[in-house]
PDB file of N, CA and C in Angstrom:
ATOM      1  N   UNK A   1     -12.162-138.902 -30.254  1.00  0.00           N
ATOM      2  CA  UNK A   1     -13.007-139.602 -31.716  1.00  0.00           C
ATOM      3  C   UNK A   1     -13.707-140.669 -30.575  1.00  0.00           C
ATOM      4  N   UNK A   2     -15.102-140.805 -30.675  1.00  0.00           N
ATOM      5  CA  UNK A   2     -16.205-141.426 -29.854  1.00  0.00           C
ATOM      6  C   UNK A   2     -16.081-143.144 -30.905  1.00  0.00           C
ATOM      7  N   UNK A   3     -16.923-143.837 -30.169  1.00  0.00           N
ATOM      8  CA  UNK A   3     -16.818-145.001 -31.163  1.00  0.00           C
ATOM      9  C   UNK A   3     -18.584-144.592 -32.081  1.00  0.00           C
ATOM     10  N   UNK A   4     -19.095-143.552 -31.772  1.00  0.00           N
ATOM     11  CA  UNK A   4     -20.700-143.129 -32.471  1.00  0.00           C
ATOM     12  C   UNK A   4     -20.409-141.856 -33.784  1.00  0.00           C
ATOM     13  N   UNK A   5     -18.817-141.828 -33.948  1.00  0.00           N
ATOM     14  CA  UNK A   5     -19.113-140.747 -34.826  1.00  0.00           C
ATOM     15  C   UNK A   5     -18.236-141.670 -35.634  1.00  0.00           C
ATOM     16  N   UNK A   6     -17.765-141.553 -37.759  1.00  0.00           N
ATOM     17  CA  UNK A   6     -17.211-142.213 -38.427  1.00  0.00           C
ATOM     18  C   UNK A   6     -15.693-142.105 -38.113  1.00  0.00           C
ATOM     19  N   UNK A   7     -14.940-142.897 -38.081  1.00  0.00           N
ATOM     20  CA  UNK A   7     -13.651-143.166 -38.152  1.00  0.00           C
ATOM     21  C   UNK A   7     -13.077-142.349 -39.536  1.00  0.00           C
ATOM     22  N   UNK A   8     -11.999-141.220 -39.171  1.00  0.00           N
ATOM     23  CA  UNK A   8     -11.319-140.857 -40.429  1.00  0.00           C
ATOM     24  C   UNK A   8     -10.350-141.549 -41.118  1.00  0.00           C
ATOM     25  N   UNK A   9     -10.146-141.743 -42.045  1.00  0.00           N
ATOM     26  CA  UNK A   9      -9.130-142.428 -42.985  1.00  0.00           C
ATOM     27  C   UNK A   9      -7.859-141.955 -43.232  1.00  0.00           C
ATOM     28  N   UNK A  10      -7.106-142.372 -42.940  1.00  0.00           N
ATOM     29  CA  UNK A  10      -5.524-142.253 -42.900  1.00  0.00           C
ATOM     30  C   UNK A  10      -4.700-142.653 -43.276  1.00  0.00           C
ATOM     31  N   UNK A  11      -3.658-142.464 -44.188  1.00  0.00           N
ATOM     32  CA  UNK A  11      -2.843-143.344 -45.107  1.00  0.00           C
ATOM     33  C   UNK A  11      -1.870-142.360 -45.684  1.00  0.00           C
ATOM     34  N   UNK A  12      -0.822-143.432 -45.662  1.00  0.00           N
ATOM     35  CA  UNK A  12       0.132-142.928 -46.979  1.00  0.00           C
ATOM     36  C   UNK A  12       0.496-143.490 -47.882  1.00  0.00           C
ATOM     37  N   UNK A  13       1.144-142.564 -49.420  1.00  0.00           N
ATOM     38  CA  UNK A  13       0.642-143.513 -50.838  1.00  0.00           C
ATOM     39  C   UNK A  13       2.563-143.359 -50.725  1.00  0.00           C
ATOM     40  N   UNK A  14       3.158-144.201 -51.253  1.00  0.00           N
ATOM     41  CA  UNK A  14       4.675-143.897 -51.263  1.00  0.00           C
ATOM     42  C   UNK A  14       4.986-144.614 -53.209  1.00  0.00           C
ATOM     43  N   UNK A  15       5.707-143.876 -53.777  1.00  0.00           N
ATOM     44  CA  UNK A  15       5.879-143.823 -55.168  1.00  0.00           C
ATOM     45  C   UNK A  15       7.850-143.587 -55.273  1.00  0.00           C
ATOM     46  N   UNK A  16       8.431-144.126 -56.342  1.00  0.00           N
ATOM     47  CA  UNK A  16       9.553-143.649 -56.455  1.00  0.00           C
ATOM     48  C   UNK A  16       9.812-143.184 -58.378  1.00  0.00           C
ATOM     49  N   UNK A  17      10.192-142.051 -58.291  1.00  0.00           N
ATOM     50  CA  UNK A  17      10.207-141.782 -59.620  1.00  0.00           C
ATOM     51  C   UNK A  17      11.565-142.589 -60.563  1.00  0.00           C
ATOM     52  N   UNK A  18      11.155-142.473 -61.809  1.00  0.00           N
ATOM     53  CA  UNK A  18      12.581-143.089 -62.547  1.00  0.00           C
ATOM     54  C   UNK A  18      13.645-142.328 -62.742  1.00  0.00           C
ATOM     55  N   UNK A  19      14.758-142.726 -62.833  1.00  0.00           N
ATOM     56  CA  UNK A  19      15.965-141.601 -62.804  1.00  0.00           C
ATOM     57  C   UNK A  19      15.432-140.384 -63.827  1.00  0.00           C
ATOM     58  N   UNK A  20      15.815-139.442 -63.387  1.00  0.00           N
ATOM     59  CA  UNK A  20      15.390-138.439 -64.717  1.00  0.00           C
ATOM     60  C   UNK A  20      14.139-137.298 -64.017  1.00  0.00           C
ATOM     61  N   UNK A  21      13.235-138.182 -63.533  1.00  0.00           N
ATOM     62  CA  UNK A  21      11.892-137.964 -63.586  1.00  0.00           C
ATOM     63  C   UNK A  21      11.387-137.246 -62.120  1.00  0.00           C
ATOM     64  N   UNK A  22      11.940-136.864 -61.384  1.00  0.00           N
ATOM     65  CA  UNK A  22      11.718-136.770 -60.264  1.00  0.00           C
ATOM     66  C   UNK A  22      11.213-135.280 -60.295  1.00  0.00           C
ATOM     67  N   UNK A  23      11.519-134.440 -61.123  1.00  0.00           N
ATOM     68  CA  UNK A  23      11.003-132.471 -60.952  1.00  0.00           C
ATOM     69  C   UNK A  23       9.812-133.389 -61.308  1.00  0.00           C
ATOM     70  N   UNK A  24       9.717-133.949 -62.806  1.00  0.00           N
ATOM     71  CA  UNK A  24       8.043-134.044 -63.155  1.00  0.00           C
ATOM     72  C   UNK A  24       7.317-134.526 -62.398  1.00  0.00           C
ATOM     73  N   UNK A  25       7.821-135.375 -61.189  1.00  0.00           N
ATOM     74  CA  UNK A  25       6.889-136.114 -60.617  1.00  0.00           C
ATOM     75  C   UNK A  25       6.588-134.704 -59.297  1.00  0.00           C
ATOM     76  N   UNK A  26       7.213-134.349 -58.934  1.00  0.00           N
ATOM     77  CA  UNK A  26       6.845-133.229 -58.137  1.00  0.00           C
ATOM     78  C   UNK A  26       5.944-132.209 -58.355  1.00  0.00           C
ATOM     79  N   UNK A  27       5.925-131.793 -59.815  1.00  0.00           N
ATOM     80  CA  UNK A  27       5.311-130.783 -60.099  1.00  0.00           C
ATOM     81  C   UNK A  27       3.494-131.439 -60.530  1.00  0.00           C
ATOM     82  N   UNK A  28       3.726-132.676 -60.898  1.00  0.00           N
ATOM     83  CA  UNK A  28       2.509-133.281 -60.992  1.00  0.00           C
ATOM     84  C   UNK A  28       1.839-133.343 -59.649  1.00  0.00           C
ATOM     85  N   UNK A  29       2.793-133.737 -58.317  1.00  0.00           N
ATOM     86  CA  UNK A  29       1.902-133.904 -57.327  1.00  0.00           C
ATOM     87  C   UNK A  29       1.689-132.896 -56.495  1.00  0.00           C
ATOM     88  N   UNK A  30       2.369-131.519 -56.911  1.00  0.00           N
ATOM     89  CA  UNK A  30       2.167-130.199 -56.369  1.00  0.00           C
ATOM     90  C   UNK A  30       0.561-129.509 -57.197  1.00  0.00           C
ATOM     91  N   UNK A  31       0.468-130.156 -58.241  1.00  0.00           N
ATOM     92  CA  UNK A  31      -0.975-129.889 -58.554  1.00  0.00           C
ATOM     93  C   UNK A  31      -1.651-130.236 -58.159  1.00  0.00           C
ATOM     94  N   UNK A  32      -1.686-131.594 -58.229  1.00  0.00           N
ATOM     95  CA  UNK A  32      -2.655-132.648 -57.354  1.00  0.00           C
ATOM     96  C   UNK A  32      -3.093-132.127 -55.705  1.00  0.00           C
ATOM     97  N   UNK A  33      -1.692-131.451 -55.191  1.00  0.00           N
ATOM     98  CA  UNK A  33      -2.070-130.826 -53.762  1.00  0.00           C
ATOM     99  C   UNK A  33      -2.884-130.113 -53.760  1.00  0.00           C
ATOM    100  N   UNK A  34      -3.053-129.131 -54.542  1.00  0.00           N
ATOM    101  CA  UNK A  34      -3.883-127.784 -54.264  1.00  0.00           C
ATOM    102  C   UNK A  34      -4.992-128.629 -54.254  1.00  0.00           C
ATOM    103  N   UNK A  35      -5.595-129.179 -55.639  1.00  0.00           N
ATOM    104  CA  UNK A  35      -6.991-129.518 -55.640  1.00  0.00           C
ATOM    105  C   UNK A  35      -6.866-130.816 -54.498  1.00  0.00           C
ATOM    106  N   UNK A  36      -6.448-131.601 -54.268  1.00  0.00           N
ATOM    107  CA  UNK A  36      -7.053-132.214 -52.880  1.00  0.00           C
ATOM    108  C   UNK A  36      -7.217-131.313 -51.850  1.00  0.00           C
ATOM    109  N   UNK A  37      -6.222-130.828 -51.866  1.00  0.00           N
ATOM    110  CA  UNK A  37      -6.693-129.873 -50.255  1.00  0.00           C
ATOM    111  C   UNK A  37      -7.976-128.932 -50.362  1.00  0.00           C
ATOM    112  N   UNK A  38      -8.274-128.673 -51.439  1.00  0.00           N
ATOM    113  CA  UNK A  38      -9.742-127.985 -51.886  1.00  0.00           C
ATOM    114  C   UNK A  38     -11.228-128.898 -51.753  1.00  0.00           C
ATOM    115  N   UNK A  39     -10.477-130.390 -51.269  1.00  0.00           N
ATOM    116  CA  UNK A  39     -11.840-131.711 -51.517  1.00  0.00           C
ATOM    117  C   UNK A  39     -12.415-131.267 -49.785  1.00  0.00           C
ATOM    118  N   UNK A  40     -13.869-131.079 -50.310  1.00  0.00           N
ATOM    119  CA  UNK A  40     -14.898-130.361 -48.818  1.00  0.00           C
ATOM    120  C   UNK A  40     -14.109-131.689 -47.650  1.00  0.00           C
ATOM    121  N   UNK A  41     -13.997-132.956 -47.611  1.00  0.00           N
ATOM    122  CA  UNK A  41     -13.476-134.154 -46.783  1.00  0.00           C
ATOM    123  C   UNK A  41     -12.167-134.221 -46.338  1.00  0.00           C
ATOM    124  N   UNK A  42     -11.113-133.273 -47.158  1.00  0.00           N
ATOM    125  CA  UNK A  42     -10.279-133.919 -46.878  1.00  0.00           C
ATOM    126  C   UNK A  42      -9.025-132.797 -46.070  1.00  0.00           C
ATOM    127  N   UNK A  43      -8.929-133.640 -45.029  1.00  0.00           N
ATOM    128  CA  UNK A  43      -8.221-132.926 -43.832  1.00  0.00           C
ATOM    129  C   UNK A  43      -6.696-132.748 -44.135  1.00  0.00           C
ATOM    130  N   UNK A  44      -5.793-133.229 -44.513  1.00  0.00           N
ATOM    131  CA  UNK A  44      -4.441-133.556 -44.781  1.00  0.00           C
ATOM    132  C   UNK A  44      -3.692-133.991 -45.939  1.00  0.00           C
ATOM    133  N   UNK A  45      -3.307-133.653 -46.742  1.00  0.00           N
ATOM    134  CA  UNK A  45      -2.593-133.621 -47.631  1.00  0.00           C
ATOM    135  C   UNK A  45      -1.034-133.104 -47.902  1.00  0.00           C
ATOM    136  N   UNK A  46       0.108-134.020 -47.442  1.00  0.00           N
ATOM    137  CA  UNK A  46       1.208-133.383 -47.145  1.00  0.00           C
ATOM    138  C   UNK A  46       2.178-134.651 -47.988  1.00  0.00           C
ATOM    139  N   UNK A  47       2.373-133.495 -49.225  1.00  0.00           N
ATOM    140  CA  UNK A  47       3.731-134.472 -50.049  1.00  0.00           C
ATOM    141  C   UNK A  47       5.288-134.420 -48.970  1.00  0.00           C
ATOM    142  N   UNK A  48       5.882-135.365 -49.407  1.00  0.00           N
ATOM    143  CA  UNK A  48       7.073-135.413 -49.192  1.00  0.00           C
ATOM    144  C   UNK A  48       8.084-136.003 -49.925  1.00  0.00           C
ATOM    145  N   UNK A  49       9.611-135.255 -49.935  1.00  0.00           N
ATOM    146  CA  UNK A  49      10.563-136.238 -50.871  1.00  0.00           C
ATOM    147  C   UNK A  49      11.647-136.840 -49.892  1.00  0.00           C
ATOM    148  N   UNK A  50      12.003-138.515 -49.638  1.00  0.00           N
ATOM    149  CA  UNK A  50      12.648-138.890 -48.907  1.00  0.00           C
ATOM    150  C   UNK A  50      14.104-137.833 -48.973  1.00  0.00           C
ATOM    151  N   UNK A  51      14.602-137.464 -48.125  1.00  0.00           N
ATOM    152  CA  UNK A  51      16.188-136.633 -47.723  1.00  0.00           C
ATOM    153  C   UNK A  51      17.046-137.084 -48.456  1.00  0.00           C
ATOM    154  N   UNK A  52      17.406-138.439 -48.232  1.00  0.00           N
ATOM    155  CA  UNK A  52      18.329-139.392 -48.855  1.00  0.00           C
ATOM    156  C   UNK A  52      17.833-140.037 -50.033  1.00  0.00           C
ATOM    157  N   UNK A  53      17.238-139.957 -50.319  1.00  0.00           N
ATOM    158  CA  UNK A  53      16.611-140.291 -51.702  1.00  0.00           C
ATOM    159  C   UNK A  53      15.675-140.061 -52.477  1.00  0.00           C
ATOM    160  N   UNK A  54      15.806-138.709 -53.098  1.00  0.00           N
ATOM    161  CA  UNK A  54      14.751-138.015 -53.747  1.00  0.00           C
ATOM    162  C   UNK A  54      13.788-137.974 -54.621  1.00  0.00           C
ATOM    163  N   UNK A  55      14.882-139.279 -55.053  1.00  0.00           N
ATOM    164  CA  UNK A  55      13.630-140.011 -56.177  1.00  0.00           C
ATOM    165  C   UNK A  55      12.212-140.875 -55.177  1.00  0.00           C
ATOM    166  N   UNK A  56      12.418-140.796 -54.187  1.00  0.00           N
ATOM    167  CA  UNK A  56      11.087-141.435 -53.227  1.00  0.00           C
ATOM    168  C   UNK A  56      10.432-140.865 -52.828  1.00  0.00           C
ATOM    169  N   UNK A  57       9.277-140.547 -52.705  1.00  0.00           N
ATOM    170  CA  UNK A  57       7.800-139.904 -52.875  1.00  0.00           C
ATOM    171  C   UNK A  57       6.869-140.145 -51.990  1.00  0.00           C
ATOM    172  N   UNK A  58       6.594-139.743 -50.610  1.00  0.00           N
ATOM    173  CA  UNK A  58       5.483-140.098 -49.602  1.00  0.00           C
ATOM    174  C   UNK A  58       4.354-138.809 -49.803  1.00  0.00           C
ATOM    175  N   UNK A  59       3.083-139.284 -49.463  1.00  0.00           N
ATOM    176  CA  UNK A  59       2.081-138.424 -49.476  1.00  0.00           C
ATOM    177  C   UNK A  59       1.258-139.091 -48.043  1.00  0.00           C
ATOM    178  N   UNK A  60       1.325-138.428 -46.962  1.00  0.00           N
ATOM    179  CA  UNK A  60       0.245-138.641 -45.722  1.00  0.00           C
ATOM    180  C   UNK A  60      -0.653-137.624 -46.297  1.00  0.00           C
ATOM    181  N   UNK A  61      -1.818-138.455 -45.822  1.00  0.00           N
ATOM    182  CA  UNK A  61      -3.227-138.419 -46.061  1.00  0.00           C
ATOM    183  C   UNK A  61      -4.498-138.202 -45.114  1.00  0.00           C
ATOM    184  N   UNK A  62      -5.046-137.535 -44.381  1.00  0.00           N
ATOM    185  CA  UNK A  62      -6.306-137.827 -43.930  1.00  0.00           C
ATOM    186  C   UNK A  62      -7.709-137.296 -44.600  1.00  0.00           C
ATOM    187  N   UNK A  63      -8.686-138.319 -44.580  1.00  0.00           N
ATOM    188  CA  UNK A  63      -9.825-137.809 -44.743  1.00  0.00           C
ATOM    189  C   UNK A  63     -11.505-137.660 -43.536  1.00  0.00           C
ATOM    190  N   UNK A  64     -11.858-137.218 -43.820  1.00  0.00           N
ATOM    191  CA  UNK A  64     -12.819-137.048 -42.633  1.00  0.00           C
ATOM    192  C   UNK A  64     -13.472-138.513 -42.211  1.00  0.00           C
ATOM    193  N   UNK A  65     -14.068-138.841 -43.504  1.00  0.00           N
ATOM    194  CA  UNK A  65     -14.763-140.534 -43.313  1.00  0.00           C
ATOM    195  C   UNK A  65     -14.449-141.297 -44.418  1.00  0.00           C
ATOM    196  N   UNK A  66     -14.984-142.097 -44.657  1.00  0.00           N
ATOM    197  CA  UNK A  66     -14.941-143.261 -45.862  1.00  0.00           C
ATOM    198  C   UNK A  66     -15.858-142.941 -47.096  1.00  0.00           C
ATOM    199  N   UNK A  67     -16.878-141.910 -46.743  1.00  0.00           N
ATOM    200  CA  UNK A  67     -17.601-141.295 -47.723  1.00  0.00           C
ATOM    201  C   UNK A  67     -16.221-139.885 -48.329  1.00  0.00           C
ATOM    202  N   UNK A  68     -15.806-139.516 -47.669  1.00  0.00           N
ATOM    203  CA  UNK A  68     -15.065-138.504 -48.289  1.00  0.00           C
ATOM    204  C   UNK A  68     -13.769-139.160 -49.167  1.00  0.00           C
ATOM    205  N   UNK A  69     -13.424-139.942 -48.875  1.00  0.00           N
ATOM    206  CA  UNK A  69     -12.255-140.788 -49.312  1.00  0.00           C
ATOM    207  C   UNK A  69     -12.743-141.295 -50.640  1.00  0.00           C
ATOM    208  N   UNK A  70     -13.700-141.799 -50.958  1.00  0.00           N
ATOM    209  CA  UNK A  70     -14.476-142.510 -51.415  1.00  0.00           C
ATOM    210  C   UNK A  70     -14.186-141.857 -52.750  1.00  0.00           C
ATOM    211  N   UNK A  71     -15.115-140.381 -52.225  1.00  0.00           N
ATOM    212  CA  UNK A  71     -15.482-139.345 -53.083  1.00  0.00           C
ATOM    213  C   UNK A  71     -13.766-138.745 -53.647  1.00  0.00           C
ATOM    214  N   UNK A  72     -12.895-138.766 -53.119  1.00  0.00           N
ATOM    215  CA  UNK A  72     -11.147-138.229 -53.624  1.00  0.00           C
ATOM    216  C   UNK A  72     -11.101-139.402 -54.338  1.00  0.00           C
ATOM    217  N   UNK A  73     -11.433-140.671 -54.273  1.00  0.00           N
ATOM    218  CA  UNK A  73     -10.945-141.713 -55.262  1.00  0.00           C
ATOM    219  C   UNK A  73     -11.321-141.466 -56.562  1.00  0.00           C
ATOM    220  N   UNK A  74     -12.804-140.887 -56.397  1.00  0.00           N
ATOM    221  CA  UNK A  74     -13.837-140.829 -57.932  1.00  0.00           C
ATOM    222  C   UNK A  74     -13.375-139.560 -59.116  1.00  0.00           C
ATOM    223  N   UNK A  75     -12.442-138.688 -57.920  1.00  0.00           N
ATOM    224  CA  UNK A  75     -12.470-137.233 -58.214  1.00  0.00           C
ATOM    225  C   UNK A  75     -11.464-137.332 -59.956  1.00  0.00           C
ATOM    226  N   UNK A  76     -12.342-136.803 -60.554  1.00  0.00           N
ATOM    227  CA  UNK A  76     -11.341-137.105 -62.433  1.00  0.00           C
ATOM    228  C   UNK A  76     -10.114-136.520 -62.107  1.00  0.00           C
ATOM    229  N   UNK A  77      -9.433-135.466 -61.337  1.00  0.00           N
ATOM    230  CA  UNK A  77      -8.238-134.924 -61.666  1.00  0.00           C
ATOM    231  C   UNK A  77      -7.436-136.214 -60.734  1.00  0.00           C
ATOM    232  N   UNK A  78      -7.881-136.875 -59.741  1.00  0.00           N
ATOM    233  CA  UNK A  78      -7.238-138.210 -59.505  1.00  0.00           C
ATOM    234  C   UNK A  78      -6.658-139.124 -60.860  1.00  0.00           C
ATOM    235  N   UNK A  79      -7.570-139.369 -61.432  1.00  0.00           N
ATOM    236  CA  UNK A  79      -7.275-140.255 -62.656  1.00  0.00           C
ATOM    237  C   UNK A  79      -6.529-139.742 -63.874  1.00  0.00           C
ATOM    238  N   UNK A  80      -6.689-138.594 -63.842  1.00  0.00           N
ATOM    239  CA  UNK A  80      -5.318-137.888 -64.694  1.00  0.00           C
ATOM    240  C   UNK A  80      -3.805-137.919 -64.125  1.00  0.00           C
ATOM    241  N   UNK A  81      -3.707-137.363 -62.837  1.00  0.00           N
ATOM    242  CA  UNK A  81      -2.881-137.565 -62.041  1.00  0.00           C
ATOM    243  C   UNK A  81      -2.120-139.087 -62.555  1.00  0.00           C
ATOM    244  N   UNK A  82      -2.894-140.364 -61.865  1.00  0.00           N
ATOM    245  CA  UNK A  82      -2.235-141.455 -61.918  1.00  0.00           C
ATOM    246  C   UNK A  82      -1.953-141.885 -63.190  1.00  0.00           C
ATOM    247  N   UNK A  83      -2.767-141.561 -63.980  1.00  0.00           N
ATOM    248  CA  UNK A  83      -1.703-141.742 -65.700  1.00  0.00           C
ATOM    249  C   UNK A  83      -0.913-140.898 -65.789  1.00  0.00           C
ATOM    250  N   UNK A  84      -0.769-140.206 -65.508  1.00  0.00           N
ATOM    251  CA  UNK A  84       0.348-139.158 -66.252  1.00  0.00           C
ATOM    252  C   UNK A  84       1.874-139.944 -65.180  1.00  0.00           C
ATOM    253  N   UNK A  85       1.579-140.165 -63.992  1.00  0.00           N
ATOM    254  CA  UNK A  85       2.654-140.368 -62.945  1.00  0.00           C
ATOM    255  C   UNK A  85       2.884-142.377 -63.353  1.00  0.00           C
ATOM    256  N   UNK A  86       1.755-142.589 -63.589  1.00  0.00           N
ATOM    257  CA  UNK A  86       2.556-144.414 -64.315  1.00  0.00           C
ATOM    258  C   UNK A  86       3.618-144.403 -65.398  1.00  0.00           C
ATOM    259  N   UNK A  87       3.825-143.076 -65.926  1.00  0.00           N
ATOM    260  CA  UNK A  87       4.764-143.060 -66.707  1.00  0.00           C
ATOM    261  C   UNK A  87       6.076-142.565 -66.484  1.00  0.00           C
ATOM    262  N   UNK A  88       6.009-142.015 -65.390  1.00  0.00           N
ATOM    263  CA  UNK A  88       7.226-141.361 -64.581  1.00  0.00           C
ATOM    264  C   UNK A  88       7.648-142.042 -63.239  1.00  0.00           C
ATOM    265  N   UNK A  89       7.182-143.579 -62.922  1.00  0.00           N
ATOM    266  CA  UNK A  89       7.244-143.854 -61.614  1.00  0.00           C
ATOM    267  C   UNK A  89       8.297-145.551 -62.083  1.00  0.00           C
ATOM    268  N   UNK A  90       8.765-145.777 -60.704  1.00  0.00           N
ATOM    269  CA  UNK A  90       8.987-147.152 -60.851  1.00  0.00           C
ATOM    270  C   UNK A  90       7.884-148.088 -60.418  1.00  0.00           C
ATOM    271  N   UNK A  91       7.584-149.366 -61.451  1.00  0.00           N
ATOM    272  CA  UNK A  91       6.459-150.144 -60.683  1.00  0.00           C
ATOM    273  C   UNK A  91       5.645-149.858 -61.320  1.00  0.00           C
ATOM    274  N   UNK A  92       4.172-149.994 -60.877  1.00  0.00           N
ATOM    275  CA  UNK A  92       2.953-150.333 -60.672  1.00  0.00           C
ATOM    276  C   UNK A  92       2.279-148.914 -60.675  1.00  0.00           C
ATOM    277  N   UNK A  93       2.327-148.087 -60.062  1.00  0.00           N
ATOM    278  CA  UNK A  93       1.888-147.403 -59.108  1.00  0.00           C
ATOM    279  C   UNK A  93       2.135-147.039 -57.890  1.00  0.00           C
ATOM    280  N   UNK A  94       1.175-146.012 -57.251  1.00  0.00           N
ATOM    281  CA  UNK A  94       1.428-146.006 -55.536  1.00  0.00           C
ATOM    282  C   UNK A  94       1.405-147.210 -54.851  1.00  0.00           C
ATOM    283  N   UNK A  95       2.271-147.038 -53.752  1.00  0.00           N
ATOM    284  CA  UNK A  95       1.685-148.347 -52.540  1.00  0.00           C
ATOM    285  C   UNK A  95       1.084-147.320 -51.874  1.00  0.00           C
ATOM    286  N   UNK A  96      -0.321-148.083 -50.727  1.00  0.00           N
ATOM    287  CA  UNK A  96      -0.833-147.271 -50.157  1.00  0.00           C
ATOM    288  C   UNK A  96      -1.018-147.950 -48.927  1.00  0.00           C
ATOM    289  N   UNK A  97      -0.645-147.349 -47.702  1.00  0.00           N
ATOM    290  CA  UNK A  97      -0.550-148.257 -46.507  1.00  0.00           C
ATOM    291  C   UNK A  97      -1.685-146.891 -45.792  1.00  0.00           C
ATOM    292  N   UNK A  98      -2.887-147.707 -45.329  1.00  0.00           N
ATOM    293  CA  UNK A  98      -3.240-147.714 -44.554  1.00  0.00           C
ATOM    294  C   UNK A  98      -3.357-147.214 -43.487  1.00  0.00           C
ATOM    295  N   UNK A  99      -3.555-146.743 -42.393  1.00  0.00           N
ATOM    296  CA  UNK A  99      -3.127-146.497 -40.527  1.00  0.00           C
ATOM    297  C   UNK A  99      -4.712-146.576 -39.725  1.00  0.00           C
ATOM    298  N   UNK A 100      -4.185-147.114 -38.548  1.00  0.00           N
ATOM    299  CA  UNK A 100      -4.684-146.960 -37.652  1.00  0.00           C
ATOM    300  C   UNK A 100      -4.826-146.142 -36.043  1.00  0.00           C
ATOM    301  N   UNK A 101      -5.422-145.272 -36.195  1.00  0.00           N
ATOM    302  CA  UNK A 101      -5.042-144.368 -34.714  1.00  0.00           C
ATOM    303  C   UNK A 101      -4.851-144.852 -33.591  1.00  0.00           C
ATOM    304  N   UNK A 102      -3.873-144.640 -32.864  1.00  0.00           N
ATOM    305  CA  UNK A 102      -3.716-145.011 -31.284  1.00  0.00           C
ATOM    306  C   UNK A 102      -4.259-144.861 -30.743  1.00  0.00           C
TER     307      UNK A 102
END
């Protein structure tokens, strides 16, 4: 990537399902995954569950540029997902960690 191109946006989101809600969270996340992967600016959207703690979810995401990430954030289905997720997880929502490539 040269300095003349816009940098990709890379991040991971993490959240913990309430006890007994992990399968519901997984179903919601798999539905969202199919939609996000069809976004023109999405490069990677890979959801995972922690092997030793299956209530913990992580999603690794890469977007083409800031505009693609902004379009992702504005997508209606993301709003619906976050509203449904709020009732199934511990805490206020997903924790986002933005990454810088080496």
